[in-house]
Protein backbone atom coordinates (compact mmCIF):
# COMPACT_ATOMS: atom_id res chain seq x y z
CA MET A 1 -5.15 13.16 19.35
CA GLY A 2 -5.97 13.74 15.65
CA ASP A 3 -6.87 11.37 12.88
CA TYR A 4 -4.88 12.18 9.73
CA PHE A 5 -5.21 10.49 6.48
CA LEU A 6 -2.63 10.98 3.61
CA GLU A 7 -4.48 12.31 0.56
CA GLY A 8 -4.35 10.32 -2.56
CA ASN A 9 -6.28 10.85 -5.95
CA SER A 10 -9.65 10.10 -4.55
CA TYR A 11 -9.45 11.63 -0.99
CA SER A 12 -12.87 13.49 -0.93
CA THR A 13 -14.77 10.34 -2.17
CA PHE A 14 -12.89 8.31 0.46
CA ARG A 15 -13.85 10.71 3.21
CA ASP A 16 -17.49 10.40 1.99
CA VAL A 17 -17.35 6.68 2.36
CA TRP A 18 -15.51 6.84 5.76
CA ASP A 19 -17.92 9.45 7.15
CA ASN A 20 -20.90 7.59 5.89
CA THR A 21 -20.12 3.86 6.27
CA ASN A 22 -23.80 3.09 7.10
CA GLN A 23 -24.64 3.97 3.54
CA TYR A 24 -22.11 1.11 2.19
CA GLU A 25 -21.96 -2.53 2.53
CA PHE A 26 -18.76 -4.70 2.49
CA THR A 27 -18.65 -7.77 0.44
CA LYS A 28 -15.57 -10.02 0.96
CA SER A 29 -13.86 -11.09 -2.21
CA ASN A 30 -13.99 -14.88 -2.97
CA LEU A 31 -11.15 -14.51 -5.53
CA GLU A 32 -8.84 -12.00 -3.54
CA ALA A 33 -7.28 -10.89 -6.75
CA VAL A 34 -3.70 -9.42 -7.13
CA GLU A 35 -3.52 -6.24 -9.29
CA SER A 36 -0.71 -3.78 -9.96
CA ILE A 37 -2.01 -0.26 -9.20
CA ASN A 38 -0.88 3.26 -8.82
CA PRO A 39 -0.42 3.70 -4.98
CA ALA A 40 -1.96 7.25 -5.28
CA LEU A 41 -5.30 5.31 -5.72
CA ILE A 42 -4.90 3.85 -2.16
CA GLU A 43 -6.85 5.93 0.46
CA GLY A 44 -7.35 5.54 4.16
CA ILE A 45 -3.63 5.52 5.18
CA HIS A 46 -3.83 6.55 8.74
CA ILE A 47 -1.31 8.68 10.30
CA GLY A 48 -1.38 9.32 14.14
CA ASP A 49 -0.88 12.53 15.93
CA THR A 50 2.82 11.64 16.90
CA GLU A 51 3.57 10.45 13.59
CA TYR A 52 2.18 13.48 11.85
CA ASN A 53 4.08 15.96 14.01
CA SER A 54 7.22 14.02 13.96
CA PRO A 55 7.87 12.27 10.50
CA GLU A 56 11.31 10.97 11.49
CA ARG A 57 9.69 9.00 14.13
CA PHE A 58 7.37 7.49 11.45
CA TRP A 59 10.00 6.64 9.15
CA SER A 60 12.22 5.03 11.78
CA HIS A 61 9.27 2.94 13.05
CA HIS A 62 10.35 -0.30 11.30
CA GLU A 63 14.06 0.49 10.61
CA VAL A 64 16.47 2.23 12.97
CA GLY A 65 17.50 5.45 11.23
CA GLY A 66 15.09 4.91 8.55
CA THR A 67 14.01 7.88 6.42
CA MET A 68 11.83 8.67 3.57
CA GLU A 69 14.67 8.57 1.35
CA SER A 70 15.79 5.02 2.48
CA PHE A 71 12.26 3.67 1.80
CA VAL A 72 12.24 5.41 -1.58
CA GLU A 73 15.45 3.68 -2.53
CA ILE A 74 13.98 0.32 -1.73
CA ALA A 75 10.94 1.27 -3.84
CA SER A 76 13.22 2.40 -6.66
CA HIS A 77 13.82 -1.34 -7.38
CA ILE A 78 10.18 -2.17 -8.11
CA PRO A 79 10.71 -2.07 -11.98
CA THR A 80 13.73 -4.39 -11.75
CA VAL A 81 11.85 -6.85 -9.49
CA GLN A 82 8.97 -6.82 -12.03
CA SER A 83 11.20 -7.45 -14.98
CA GLN A 84 12.92 -10.36 -13.21
CA LEU A 85 9.67 -11.97 -12.46
CA VAL A 86 8.65 -11.46 -16.14
CA GLU A 87 11.87 -13.07 -17.08
CA GLY A 88 10.85 -16.15 -15.01
CA LYS A 89 12.81 -15.72 -11.79
CA SER A 90 10.99 -16.99 -8.79
CA LEU A 91 10.31 -14.58 -5.80
CA THR A 92 12.54 -16.93 -3.61
CA GLU A 93 15.60 -16.38 -5.89
CA ILE A 94 15.05 -12.62 -5.89
CA PHE A 95 14.70 -12.48 -2.14
CA ASP A 96 18.38 -13.71 -1.95
CA ASP A 97 19.47 -10.75 -4.26
CA PRO A 98 21.53 -8.38 -2.00
CA ILE A 99 20.36 -5.29 -3.95
CA ILE A 100 16.69 -6.04 -4.90
CA GLY A 101 15.84 -8.74 -2.28
CA LYS A 102 14.26 -6.26 0.24
CA CYS A 103 12.04 -4.51 -2.46
CA ALA A 104 10.87 -8.00 -3.56
CA ARG A 105 10.04 -8.96 0.05
CA ILE A 106 8.09 -6.06 1.10
CA TYR A 107 6.36 -5.41 -2.26
CA PHE A 108 5.80 -8.75 -3.89
CA ALA A 109 5.61 -11.37 -1.24
CA ASP A 110 2.02 -12.28 -0.62
CA ASP A 111 2.04 -12.47 3.22
CA SER A 112 1.41 -10.02 5.97
CA GLU A 113 5.03 -8.61 5.70
CA GLY A 114 4.76 -8.07 1.97
CA MET A 115 1.95 -6.98 -0.57
CA PRO A 116 -0.57 -4.58 0.93
CA ARG A 117 -4.16 -5.54 1.30
CA VAL A 118 -6.85 -3.25 0.00
CA VAL A 119 -10.65 -2.96 -0.36
CA LYS A 120 -12.04 -1.73 -3.73
CA VAL A 121 -14.40 1.26 -3.48
CA GLY A 122 -15.59 2.43 -6.98
CA ASP A 123 -12.41 3.89 -8.55
CA PHE A 124 -10.07 3.82 -5.82
CA TYR A 125 -8.94 1.34 -3.05
CA MET A 126 -9.11 1.66 0.88
CA PHE A 127 -6.07 0.56 2.87
CA ASP A 128 -6.68 -2.54 4.88
CA SER A 129 -3.36 -3.85 6.25
CA ASN A 130 0.35 -3.30 6.81
CA GLY A 131 2.33 -1.20 4.43
CA ARG A 132 1.91 2.47 5.10
CA HIS A 133 5.66 3.11 4.66
CA ARG A 134 6.04 1.20 1.47
CA ILE A 135 2.86 2.74 -0.19
CA ILE A 136 4.08 6.18 0.61
CA ALA A 137 7.49 5.38 -0.66
CA ALA A 138 6.12 3.85 -3.90
CA ARG A 139 4.00 7.14 -4.39
CA GLU A 140 7.11 9.05 -4.08
CA ALA A 141 9.21 6.81 -6.45
CA GLY A 142 6.13 6.99 -8.93
CA PHE A 143 5.80 3.14 -9.36
CA ASP A 144 2.74 0.95 -9.50
CA ILE A 145 2.66 -1.76 -6.85
CA PRO A 146 1.01 -5.16 -6.48
CA VAL A 147 -1.90 -5.30 -3.93
CA ARG A 148 -4.33 -8.05 -2.85
CA ILE A 149 -7.79 -7.00 -3.25
CA ILE A 150 -9.63 -8.59 -0.42
CA GLY A 151 -13.34 -7.18 -0.84
CA GLU A 152 -15.25 -4.31 -1.97
CA TRP A 153 -17.46 -1.66 -0.46
CA ARG A 154 -20.54 -0.65 -2.56
CA LYS A 155 -23.20 2.04 -1.92
CA LYS A 156 -26.22 0.20 -0.60
CA VAL A 157 -29.21 -0.14 -2.83
CA ILE A 158 -32.35 1.14 -1.21
């Protein structure tokens, strides 16, 4: 069995933190801020041996017949959801939309089924929840996504 992590923009720094966690300390965020970030800044997305060797199995895990393309199609609606929120529509209203509702649910809902949770580590974020498929799809689509920052890893001061 192997451990595979998808590589984002800060993979080497992530590996240093991952391999030397005893040199870091975690601080839980009191505010748990929501930010919109480039998903390539999210590191620590684990892919198991079976998923690595069989991508079709990975993509159909949550959706029978799911593919990277079907997830990227959902992610392609991120800008539309964002603009509708700016225009004053509520998430509940958008959830009911047959075209963009699924995108709103899996990227913008602030629950365990929606917005990914991350931990800030310097200039990048470490994955801490559900959402591997949606983060990868948003990377492919090229859109920023909202995340909830639940804490921070910092180098220990000695």
